[in-house]
Protein backbone atom coordinates (compact mmCIF):
# COMPACT_ATOMS: atom_id res chain seq x y z
CA MET A 1 93.68 86.92 66.37
CA SER A 2 93.67 90.68 66.53
CA GLU A 3 97.32 91.03 65.59
CA PRO A 4 97.91 90.27 61.89
CA GLN A 5 100.03 87.20 61.25
CA ASN A 6 103.64 88.19 60.56
CA THR A 7 105.90 85.59 58.97
CA ASP A 8 109.01 87.79 58.59
CA PRO A 9 112.22 86.49 60.21
CA PHE A 10 112.64 87.61 63.82
CA TYR A 11 115.97 88.23 65.60
CA VAL A 12 115.99 88.62 69.40
CA THR A 13 119.03 89.04 71.65
CA THR A 14 119.78 89.33 75.32
CA ALA A 15 122.59 91.49 76.58
CA ILE A 16 125.67 89.33 76.80
CA SER A 17 126.51 88.70 80.45
CA TYR A 18 129.73 89.84 82.09
CA PRO A 19 131.11 86.62 83.62
CA ASN A 20 133.27 87.96 86.45
CA GLY A 21 131.02 85.95 88.77
CA ARG A 22 128.50 83.15 88.50
CA PRO A 23 125.04 83.90 87.08
CA HIS A 24 122.30 85.10 89.44
CA ILE A 25 118.54 85.17 89.16
CA GLY A 26 118.67 88.52 87.35
CA HIS A 27 120.58 86.90 84.50
CA ALA A 28 118.06 84.07 84.46
CA TYR A 29 115.15 86.53 84.35
CA GLU A 30 116.40 88.13 81.13
CA ALA A 31 117.35 84.81 79.51
CA ILE A 32 113.94 83.27 80.30
CA ALA A 33 112.09 86.35 79.03
CA ALA A 34 114.03 86.23 75.76
CA ASP A 35 113.38 82.50 75.43
CA VAL A 36 109.64 83.09 75.95
CA ILE A 37 109.72 85.80 73.25
CA ALA A 38 111.56 83.48 70.85
CA ARG A 39 109.14 80.60 71.48
CA PHE A 40 106.15 82.94 71.16
CA GLN A 41 107.34 84.25 67.79
CA ARG A 42 108.00 80.71 66.54
CA LEU A 43 104.45 79.76 67.49
CA GLN A 44 103.34 82.75 65.39
CA GLY A 45 105.00 81.03 62.43
CA ARG A 46 108.12 83.18 62.27
CA ASP A 47 111.68 82.09 61.50
CA VAL A 48 113.36 83.08 64.76
CA ARG A 49 116.99 83.54 65.68
CA PHE A 50 117.77 83.92 69.39
CA GLN A 51 121.24 84.87 70.59
CA THR A 52 122.77 85.20 74.03
CA GLY A 53 126.31 84.83 75.37
CA THR A 54 129.10 86.28 77.48
CA ASP A 55 131.08 89.52 77.31
CA GLU A 56 134.54 88.43 78.42
CA HIS A 57 136.94 91.33 77.82
CA GLY A 58 137.71 94.47 79.80
CA LEU A 59 139.63 95.67 82.81
CA LYS A 60 137.25 94.09 85.31
CA MET A 61 137.95 90.60 84.02
CA ALA A 62 141.67 91.28 83.75
CA ARG A 63 141.85 92.40 87.38
CA LYS A 64 139.70 89.53 88.64
CA ALA A 65 141.98 87.01 86.92
CA GLU A 66 145.07 88.71 88.32
CA GLU A 67 143.62 88.51 91.83
CA GLN A 68 143.16 84.76 91.35
CA GLY A 69 146.63 84.20 89.93
CA ARG A 70 145.55 82.98 86.50
CA THR A 71 145.08 84.28 83.00
CA ALA A 72 142.01 86.21 81.91
CA ARG A 73 141.28 83.53 79.31
CA GLU A 74 141.31 80.79 81.96
CA LEU A 75 138.83 82.80 84.05
CA ALA A 76 136.66 83.53 80.99
CA ASP A 77 136.54 79.87 79.95
CA GLU A 78 135.42 78.75 83.40
CA MET A 79 132.87 81.49 84.04
CA SER A 80 131.29 81.44 80.58
CA ARG A 81 130.52 77.76 81.06
CA TYR A 82 128.35 78.61 84.09
CA PHE A 83 126.18 80.88 81.96
CA GLN A 84 125.74 78.20 79.31
CA ASP A 85 124.84 75.72 82.06
CA MET A 86 122.25 78.18 83.40
CA CYS A 87 120.57 78.45 80.01
CA ASP A 88 120.55 74.68 79.59
CA ALA A 89 119.13 74.14 83.08
CA LEU A 90 116.32 76.68 82.53
CA ASN A 91 115.33 75.32 79.10
CA VAL A 92 116.52 78.49 77.36
CA LYS A 93 116.91 77.37 73.73
CA TYR A 94 119.29 79.80 72.03
CA ASP A 95 120.49 79.49 68.44
CA ARG A 96 123.92 80.91 69.24
CA PHE A 97 125.73 81.33 72.54
CA ILE A 98 128.39 83.84 71.61
CA ARG A 99 131.68 84.38 73.41
CA THR A 100 133.62 87.56 72.72
CA VAL A 101 136.92 85.67 72.87
CA GLU A 102 136.04 83.81 69.67
CA ASP A 103 137.93 84.53 66.45
CA ASP A 104 134.85 85.46 64.42
CA HIS A 105 133.97 88.08 67.02
CA HIS A 106 137.42 89.68 66.83
CA ARG A 107 137.02 89.76 63.05
CA ALA A 108 133.62 91.45 63.26
CA SER A 109 134.75 93.97 65.88
CA GLN A 110 137.77 94.97 63.83
CA ALA A 111 135.58 95.26 60.72
CA ILE A 112 133.14 97.70 62.33
CA TRP A 113 136.10 99.66 63.73
CA GLN A 114 137.58 99.97 60.26
CA ALA A 115 134.21 101.05 58.86
CA MET A 116 133.96 103.81 61.49
CA GLU A 117 137.55 104.81 60.79
CA ALA A 118 136.88 104.99 57.03
CA LYS A 119 133.99 107.35 57.81
CA GLY A 120 136.42 109.70 59.56
CA ASP A 121 134.77 109.14 62.94
CA LEU A 122 137.82 107.96 64.89
CA TYR A 123 140.75 110.12 66.01
CA LEU A 124 143.70 109.71 68.38
CA ASP A 125 143.88 111.93 71.48
CA ARG A 126 144.48 111.80 75.22
CA TYR A 127 141.80 110.74 77.68
CA GLU A 128 141.60 112.27 81.12
CA GLY A 129 138.52 111.54 83.16
CA TRP A 130 136.56 109.33 85.51
CA TYR A 131 136.14 105.63 84.77
CA SER A 132 134.23 102.93 86.65
CA VAL A 133 135.90 99.55 86.32
CA ARG A 134 132.79 97.81 87.64
CA ASP A 135 130.48 99.48 85.09
CA GLU A 136 133.15 99.55 82.34
CA ALA A 137 131.87 103.09 81.72
CA TYR A 138 133.18 106.65 81.50
CA TYR A 139 131.42 109.37 83.49
CA ASP A 140 131.44 113.14 83.33
CA GLU A 141 132.18 115.02 86.56
CA SER A 142 128.58 116.28 86.56
CA GLU A 143 127.22 112.69 86.69
CA LEU A 144 129.15 111.68 89.80
CA LYS A 145 127.82 111.59 93.35
CA GLU A 146 129.55 111.58 96.70
CA GLY A 147 129.81 108.44 98.79
CA GLU A 148 130.73 107.92 102.41
CA GLY A 149 133.99 109.59 103.26
CA GLY A 150 133.71 111.91 100.30
CA GLU A 151 134.72 109.35 97.65
CA LYS A 152 133.37 109.88 94.17
CA LEU A 153 130.87 107.36 92.87
CA SER A 154 129.19 106.72 89.52
CA PRO A 155 125.42 107.14 89.09
CA GLN A 156 125.26 103.38 89.78
CA SER A 157 127.09 103.94 93.13
CA THR A 158 130.24 102.15 91.90
CA PRO A 159 133.75 103.48 92.57
CA VAL A 160 135.38 105.60 89.85
CA GLU A 161 139.06 106.12 89.07
CA TRP A 162 140.78 109.10 87.49
CA THR A 163 142.23 107.75 84.24
CA VAL A 164 144.85 109.34 81.99
CA GLU A 165 146.01 107.59 78.82
CA GLU A 166 146.28 107.84 75.06
CA SER A 167 143.00 106.83 73.46
CA TRP A 168 141.13 106.62 70.22
CA PHE A 169 137.96 108.71 70.29
CA PHE A 170 134.69 108.22 68.45
CA ARG A 171 132.85 111.32 67.16
CA LEU A 172 129.68 110.63 69.13
CA SER A 173 128.75 114.32 69.11
CA LYS A 174 128.43 114.18 65.30
CA TYR A 175 125.38 111.91 65.61
CA GLN A 176 123.41 113.89 68.19
CA ASP A 177 120.57 114.94 65.88
CA GLN A 178 120.26 111.51 64.25
CA LEU A 179 120.14 109.86 67.65
CA LEU A 180 117.39 112.20 68.82
CA ASP A 181 115.36 111.36 65.72
CA LEU A 182 115.86 107.65 66.42
CA LEU A 183 114.96 107.92 70.10
CA ARG A 184 111.77 109.79 69.19
CA THR A 185 110.75 107.06 66.74
CA PRO A 186 107.66 105.34 68.18
CA GLY A 187 108.50 101.87 69.48
CA PHE A 188 112.30 102.12 69.22
CA LEU A 189 112.96 102.35 72.95
CA GLU A 190 110.57 101.09 75.59
CA PRO A 191 109.30 101.56 78.24
CA ALA A 192 108.57 105.29 77.86
CA SER A 193 110.46 106.15 81.06
CA ARG A 194 113.71 104.87 79.53
CA ARG A 195 113.03 106.72 76.28
CA ASN A 196 112.45 110.01 78.07
CA GLU A 197 115.62 109.55 80.10
CA MET A 198 117.76 108.94 77.00
CA ILE A 199 116.23 111.85 75.07
CA ALA A 200 117.06 114.16 77.98
CA PHE A 201 120.62 112.79 78.07
CA VAL A 202 121.21 113.45 74.37
CA GLU A 203 119.54 116.86 74.49
CA GLY A 204 122.02 117.78 77.22
CA GLY A 205 124.81 117.48 74.63
CA LEU A 206 127.01 114.56 73.63
CA ARG A 207 130.77 114.45 74.07
CA ASP A 208 133.06 112.32 71.93
CA LEU A 209 133.65 108.89 73.41
CA SER A 210 136.96 107.28 74.35
CA VAL A 211 136.92 103.91 72.59
CA SER A 212 140.31 102.33 73.27
CA ARG A 213 142.63 101.59 76.18
CA THR A 214 146.39 101.12 76.51
CA SER A 215 146.53 100.33 80.24
CA PHE A 216 145.74 96.63 79.71
CA ASP A 217 145.69 94.22 76.78
CA TRP A 218 142.72 91.90 77.49
CA GLY A 219 140.47 92.74 74.59
CA VAL A 220 140.18 93.07 70.81
CA LYS A 221 143.23 94.71 69.26
CA VAL A 222 142.65 98.01 67.45
CA PRO A 223 143.57 97.57 63.77
CA GLY A 224 146.84 99.37 63.07
CA SER A 225 147.36 100.25 66.77
CA ASP A 226 148.38 97.04 68.42
CA ASN A 227 149.15 98.74 71.74
CA HIS A 228 145.46 99.67 71.98
CA VAL A 229 142.54 97.38 72.77
CA MET A 230 138.98 98.39 72.03
CA TYR A 231 136.82 99.85 74.76
CA VAL A 232 134.87 96.83 75.95
CA TRP A 233 131.50 98.25 74.91
CA VAL A 234 132.58 98.63 71.25
CA ASP A 235 133.53 94.99 71.28
CA ALA A 236 130.54 93.82 73.35
CA LEU A 237 127.84 95.51 71.30
CA THR A 238 129.26 94.17 68.06
CA ASN A 239 128.35 90.64 69.20
CA TYR A 240 124.87 91.16 67.76
CA LEU A 241 126.45 91.38 64.30
CA THR A 242 129.07 88.70 64.89
CA GLY A 243 126.39 86.08 65.41
CA LEU A 244 125.02 86.79 61.92
CA GLY A 245 128.36 86.46 60.13
CA TYR A 246 129.30 90.15 59.84
CA PRO A 247 131.28 91.58 58.06
CA ASP A 248 129.81 89.20 55.47
CA LYS A 249 126.44 90.67 54.54
CA THR A 250 124.88 87.59 53.02
CA GLY A 251 123.26 84.58 54.73
CA ASP A 252 122.07 85.18 58.28
CA TYR A 253 123.03 88.86 58.22
CA ALA A 254 120.86 89.48 55.16
CA LYS A 255 118.00 87.48 56.69
CA TYR A 256 117.95 88.76 60.28
CA TRP A 257 119.59 92.20 60.49
CA PRO A 258 118.49 94.68 61.75
CA ALA A 259 117.60 93.00 65.03
CA ASP A 260 113.91 93.02 65.88
CA LEU A 261 114.57 93.26 69.61
CA HIS A 262 117.51 93.86 71.92
CA LEU A 263 116.30 92.78 75.37
CA ILE A 264 118.47 94.44 78.05
CA GLY A 265 118.53 95.59 81.66
CA LYS A 266 117.61 99.20 82.36
CA ASP A 267 121.15 99.98 83.59
CA ILE A 268 122.68 99.55 80.13
CA VAL A 269 120.13 101.44 78.04
CA ARG A 270 122.59 104.26 77.25
CA PHE A 271 125.04 101.86 75.64
CA HIS A 272 122.34 100.23 73.48
CA THR A 273 120.35 103.29 72.41
CA ILE A 274 123.05 105.96 72.09
CA TYR A 275 126.48 104.40 71.63
CA TRP A 276 125.40 101.34 69.62
CA PRO A 277 123.17 103.15 67.11
CA ALA A 278 125.87 105.78 66.63
CA PHE A 279 128.46 103.10 65.85
CA LEU A 280 126.06 101.51 63.37
CA MET A 281 125.25 104.85 61.72
CA SER A 282 128.96 105.50 61.37
CA ALA A 283 129.49 102.08 59.78
CA ASP A 284 126.52 102.65 57.43
CA LEU A 285 124.60 99.75 58.97
CA PRO A 286 120.88 99.69 59.91
CA THR A 287 120.00 100.32 63.55
CA PRO A 288 117.95 97.79 65.58
CA LYS A 289 114.19 98.05 65.33
CA ARG A 290 113.44 97.89 69.04
CA VAL A 291 115.24 98.02 72.40
CA PHE A 292 113.45 97.12 75.62
CA GLY A 293 115.04 97.96 78.98
CA HIS A 294 113.47 95.71 81.60
CA GLY A 295 113.61 96.33 85.34
CA PHE A 296 115.61 94.60 88.04
CA LEU A 297 114.60 91.49 89.92
CA LEU A 298 115.17 92.45 93.54
CA ALA A 299 116.08 90.29 96.49
CA ARG A 300 113.92 89.87 99.57
CA GLY A 301 113.55 93.30 101.17
CA GLY A 302 113.72 95.11 97.82
CA GLU A 303 117.52 95.20 97.53
CA LYS A 304 119.26 95.00 94.16
CA MET A 305 121.14 91.72 93.84
CA SER A 306 124.88 92.05 93.49
CA LYS A 307 127.94 89.97 94.16
CA SER A 308 129.36 92.67 96.43
CA ALA A 309 126.18 92.75 98.55
CA GLY A 310 126.32 88.99 98.99
CA ASN A 311 122.61 88.53 98.21
CA VAL A 312 122.95 86.76 94.88
CA VAL A 313 120.46 83.95 94.27
CA ASP A 314 121.59 80.94 92.20
CA PRO A 315 118.91 80.33 89.54
CA ILE A 316 119.89 76.68 89.08
CA GLU A 317 119.35 76.03 92.80
CA LEU A 318 115.96 77.74 92.55
CA ALA A 319 115.02 75.59 89.57
CA GLU A 320 116.13 72.43 91.38
CA THR A 321 114.07 73.42 94.44
CA PHE A 322 110.86 74.58 92.77
CA GLY A 323 111.05 73.20 89.23
CA VAL A 324 112.09 74.94 86.03
CA GLU A 325 108.59 75.62 84.76
CA PRO A 326 107.07 76.98 87.99
CA LEU A 327 110.09 79.32 88.18
CA ARG A 328 109.67 80.47 84.57
CA TYR A 329 105.96 81.03 85.16
CA PHE A 330 106.54 82.95 88.39
CA LEU A 331 109.10 85.33 86.91
CA LEU A 332 106.87 86.39 84.01
CA ARG A 333 103.60 86.31 85.95
CA GLU A 334 104.72 88.11 89.09
CA VAL A 335 106.55 91.11 87.64
CA ALA A 336 105.14 93.72 85.27
CA PHE A 337 107.78 93.54 82.54
CA GLY A 338 109.71 96.79 82.42
CA GLN A 339 109.30 97.49 86.13
CA ASP A 340 111.33 96.25 89.08
CA GLY A 341 109.98 93.24 90.92
CA SER A 342 110.94 91.03 93.80
CA TYR A 343 111.39 87.34 94.49
CA SER A 344 110.97 85.14 97.54
CA PRO A 345 110.57 81.38 98.03
CA GLU A 346 107.10 81.93 99.55
CA ALA A 347 106.00 83.97 96.55
CA ILE A 348 107.08 81.23 94.10
CA VAL A 349 105.30 78.51 96.08
CA ASN A 350 102.13 80.56 96.58
CA ARG A 351 101.87 81.59 92.92
CA ALA A 352 102.70 78.15 91.53
CA ASN A 353 100.29 76.36 93.84
CA ALA A 354 97.40 78.79 93.43
CA GLU A 355 97.55 79.04 89.65
CA LEU A 356 99.49 76.12 88.20
CA ALA A 357 98.70 73.30 90.62
CA ASN A 358 95.29 74.14 92.12
CA SER A 359 93.78 75.87 89.08
CA PHE A 360 95.29 74.73 85.76
CA GLY A 361 96.82 71.42 86.86
CA ASN A 362 93.74 70.39 88.83
CA LEU A 363 91.45 71.36 85.95
CA ALA A 364 93.40 69.09 83.58
CA GLN A 365 93.68 66.26 86.09
CA ARG A 366 90.02 66.03 87.03
CA THR A 367 88.76 66.56 83.48
CA LEU A 368 90.93 63.86 81.96
CA SER A 369 90.40 61.52 84.93
CA MET A 370 86.62 61.76 84.55
CA ILE A 371 86.82 61.19 80.78
CA ALA A 372 89.05 58.15 81.31
CA LYS A 373 86.91 56.73 84.12
CA ASN A 374 83.37 57.61 83.08
CA MET A 375 83.67 57.49 79.28
CA ASP A 376 86.40 54.84 78.95
CA GLY A 377 88.53 57.63 77.49
CA VAL A 378 86.46 57.71 74.30
CA LEU A 379 85.88 61.08 72.62
CA GLU A 380 82.49 61.63 71.00
CA ASN A 381 80.80 64.24 68.85
CA VAL A 382 78.24 65.81 71.18
CA ALA A 383 75.80 68.70 70.98
CA LEU A 384 76.93 71.71 73.01
CA THR A 385 74.64 74.17 74.75
CA ASP A 386 74.91 77.93 74.77
CA VAL A 387 76.62 77.70 78.17
CA ASP A 388 79.27 75.39 76.72
CA GLU A 389 79.81 77.60 73.68
CA ALA A 390 80.09 80.67 75.88
CA LEU A 391 82.91 79.07 77.88
CA LEU A 392 84.75 78.00 74.74
CA SER A 393 84.40 81.52 73.31
CA GLN A 394 85.89 83.00 76.48
CA VAL A 395 88.77 80.54 76.43
CA ARG A 396 89.38 81.09 72.72
CA ALA A 397 89.43 84.88 73.21
CA ALA A 398 92.08 84.56 75.93
CA ALA A 399 94.17 81.98 74.06
CA ALA A 400 94.02 83.47 70.57
CA ASP A 401 93.81 87.19 71.35
CA GLY A 402 94.35 88.14 74.98
CA LEU A 403 97.61 86.35 75.68
CA PRO A 404 99.20 86.71 72.22
CA ASN A 405 98.38 90.41 71.89
CA ALA A 406 99.85 91.13 75.32
CA PHE A 407 102.95 89.03 74.60
CA HIS A 408 103.41 90.91 71.33
CA ASP A 409 103.72 94.06 73.48
CA LEU A 410 106.01 92.24 75.98
CA ALA A 411 103.28 92.63 78.62
CA PHE A 412 103.78 89.09 79.91
CA SER A 413 102.00 89.46 83.24
CA VAL A 414 98.99 90.97 81.44
CA GLY A 415 98.85 88.10 78.95
CA ILE A 416 99.14 85.46 81.65
CA GLU A 417 96.40 87.23 83.62
CA GLU A 418 94.10 86.87 80.60
CA TRP A 419 95.02 83.19 80.40
CA ILE A 420 94.50 82.44 84.10
CA LYS A 421 91.10 84.19 84.02
CA ALA A 422 90.07 81.67 81.36
CA VAL A 423 91.36 78.85 83.57
CA TYR A 424 89.30 80.20 86.46
CA ALA A 425 86.25 80.37 84.18
CA CYS A 426 86.71 76.68 83.35
CA ASN A 427 86.91 75.77 87.03
CA GLN A 428 83.79 77.79 87.78
CA TYR A 429 82.05 75.99 84.92
CA VAL A 430 83.04 72.63 86.42
CA ASP A 431 81.62 73.61 89.81
CA GLU A 432 78.39 74.88 88.28
CA GLN A 433 77.85 71.93 85.93
CA ALA A 434 78.95 69.31 88.51
CA PRO A 435 79.69 66.45 86.07
CA TRP A 436 80.09 64.02 88.99
CA THR A 437 76.37 64.53 89.70
CA LEU A 438 75.41 64.46 86.01
CA ARG A 439 77.02 61.03 85.74
CA LYS A 440 74.02 59.64 87.61
CA THR A 441 71.25 62.03 86.50
CA ASP A 442 72.14 62.89 82.88
CA PRO A 443 75.09 60.93 81.42
CA GLU A 444 74.80 62.60 78.00
CA ARG A 445 75.03 66.06 79.57
CA MET A 446 78.04 64.88 81.58
CA LYS A 447 79.76 63.95 78.33
CA ALA A 448 79.08 67.38 76.83
CA VAL A 449 80.51 69.10 79.91
CA LEU A 450 83.66 66.96 79.98
CA LEU A 451 84.27 67.29 76.26
CA THR A 452 83.76 71.07 76.44
CA LEU A 453 86.49 71.14 79.09
CA PHE A 454 88.67 68.87 76.92
CA MET A 455 88.39 71.41 74.07
CA ALA A 456 89.16 74.29 76.42
CA LEU A 457 92.26 72.53 77.76
CA ARG A 458 93.62 72.21 74.23
CA ASP A 459 93.38 75.99 73.68
CA LEU A 460 94.82 76.79 77.11
CA GLY A 461 97.70 74.36 76.57
CA ILE A 462 98.61 75.81 73.18
CA ALA A 463 98.50 79.39 74.46
CA ILE A 464 100.81 78.94 77.46
CA GLN A 465 103.53 76.98 75.60
CA PRO A 466 106.12 79.80 75.49
CA VAL A 467 106.15 80.05 79.29
CA VAL A 468 105.95 76.40 80.36
CA PRO A 469 106.90 74.50 77.19
CA GLU A 470 107.56 71.06 78.68
CA ARG A 471 104.46 70.92 80.89
CA ALA A 472 102.28 72.34 78.10
CA ALA A 473 103.66 69.68 75.76
CA ALA A 474 102.92 66.98 78.36
CA LEU A 475 99.31 68.15 78.55
CA LEU A 476 98.90 68.37 74.77
CA ASP A 477 100.35 64.87 74.48
CA GLN A 478 97.70 63.59 76.91
CA LEU A 479 95.06 65.37 74.84
CA GLY A 480 96.31 63.67 71.66
CA ILE A 481 97.11 66.96 69.89
CA PRO A 482 99.66 66.25 67.12
CA ALA A 483 102.98 68.09 67.49
CA ASP A 484 102.44 69.85 64.16
CA GLU A 485 99.07 71.26 65.29
CA ARG A 486 100.27 73.31 68.26
CA ALA A 487 101.02 76.69 66.65
CA TYR A 488 98.82 79.68 67.41
CA ALA A 489 97.35 79.54 63.90
CA ASN A 490 95.83 76.16 64.87
CA LEU A 491 93.63 77.87 67.47
CA SER A 492 91.33 78.93 64.64
CA ASP A 493 91.08 75.37 63.27
CA ALA A 494 87.40 74.41 63.65
CA GLN A 495 87.92 70.79 62.58
CA TRP A 496 90.63 69.63 64.98
CA TYR A 497 88.23 67.95 67.41
CA ALA A 498 86.31 66.12 64.69
CA ARG A 499 89.61 64.76 63.29
CA LEU A 500 90.66 63.63 66.76
CA VAL A 501 87.34 61.79 67.29
CA GLU A 502 87.64 60.18 63.87
CA SER A 503 91.19 59.03 64.62
CA GLY A 504 89.92 56.92 67.50
CA PHE A 505 92.18 58.60 70.07
CA THR A 506 91.33 57.66 73.65
CA VAL A 507 92.22 59.49 76.85
CA GLY A 508 94.32 57.45 79.23
CA LYS A 509 94.75 57.81 82.97
CA PRO A 510 96.32 61.27 83.25
CA THR A 511 99.65 62.18 84.80
CA PRO A 512 99.56 65.37 86.92
CA ILE A 513 101.17 68.24 85.04
CA PHE A 514 101.74 70.57 88.00
CA PRO A 515 102.09 68.88 91.40
CA ARG A 516 101.86 71.17 94.42
CA LEU A 517 105.08 72.68 95.76
CA GLU A 518 106.23 72.72 99.36
CA LEU A 519 108.26 75.49 100.96
CA PRO A 520 111.75 74.18 101.79
CA GLU A 521 112.39 73.64 105.48
CA GLY A 522 113.78 76.77 107.07
CA GLU A 523 112.17 79.10 104.53
CA GLY A 524 109.35 81.36 105.56
CA ALA A 525 108.30 84.92 106.21
CA GLU A 526 110.85 86.87 108.14
């Protein structure tokens, strides 16, 4: 592999989701991407910790609960469960699902507050300004835009309210130069468009940040000021430390902090690359190594999905309709990670059928069927020709270099493109070699062709595991590849096939790994 093997621990997080409504496909997109990253790093031999969860405090949740005639905690308990169910349904294997209502999170949030206070970075004053309940964000007058009827709106087109109350403030302006240095550090914030936007924001001058509220009490209490609760973003961002045992700095904290990657949506980059690093600097804690702000997954017609727009797509329903693994594959294959992309039922069916069913699935099915039928499933040591070796070299390059190097850079669609090109090459090889004809004219050559394809399938199956883990495992099981020989390092193992032949493994009648999908009745191009 081109990338050097890295065995250091790896800590990846998603943004924690605000559960004032059920999860939509945008939440699933981020969770699946993070799961793919975690699985990819584990296959690289790294000790990975993957954290996700729900951000349950703030005025938005308090008001939603009040509208429904119940407590904020009752609402939080119900809604958080839906997000855990989504992860479970989509085979997202987290190490910790954190909830901000938990006692250890309150402890961590109060600890970082006290560290910032000890640094002299918190002071009591009066806040007067514009606040968006929906964004849980403060906005300067210069950032607002005018909506229909002259109402003031945030940059995200959400309503803002004029807010006046006593508040603790954080000396954000004190960290302007340090934040600029961090933002200009190669690799800290990607893609480049997000980095340039944040640098411009900081260069425009930072104002101190209001970090507490007295107008409601659904949140983490401010130490020593029990009538104040922390601004929800102070509390929310601290979750990345809570999950490692902070304020204790041994154990998981010592092993995994600073985070290797915060994976977030592009709409919350400011909070993660300006506010969060400033809080950490104030508390004398290391800043995360990398933040990636991905794009939005848009509904049919290119509209942003939102509860208010009524165009939210339930990811569990999608998974039940099309299958978990075709959905995972589609989301990472279809959209250039970092850019906005769109979804439709037709697009999922077309992509899954063309690439998973007709290309990869069919390749596996006909190869293994012919080995089982024409060779009694017996693997043999055979002499390969230059044509066979050329195919295996192309497959190995895609599996061991092309896909992993692209995934290392979070260029998932690029990596999968390298992989599917190798699949196409295998199918072209089948058509050119025509083993069904060789069976009658040259049985020994037929064996060489089928066993070349068998070897190629092993490499292709290992490479695509992060994206479609269950189907890849099903294929590798049918190939007889031991579970402890499926890491990326095994791709360079030159003796695996000889060991498999020596073991006496035989190929049985295969089970299809990717059946074709049908478009649900009533779905179609509008």
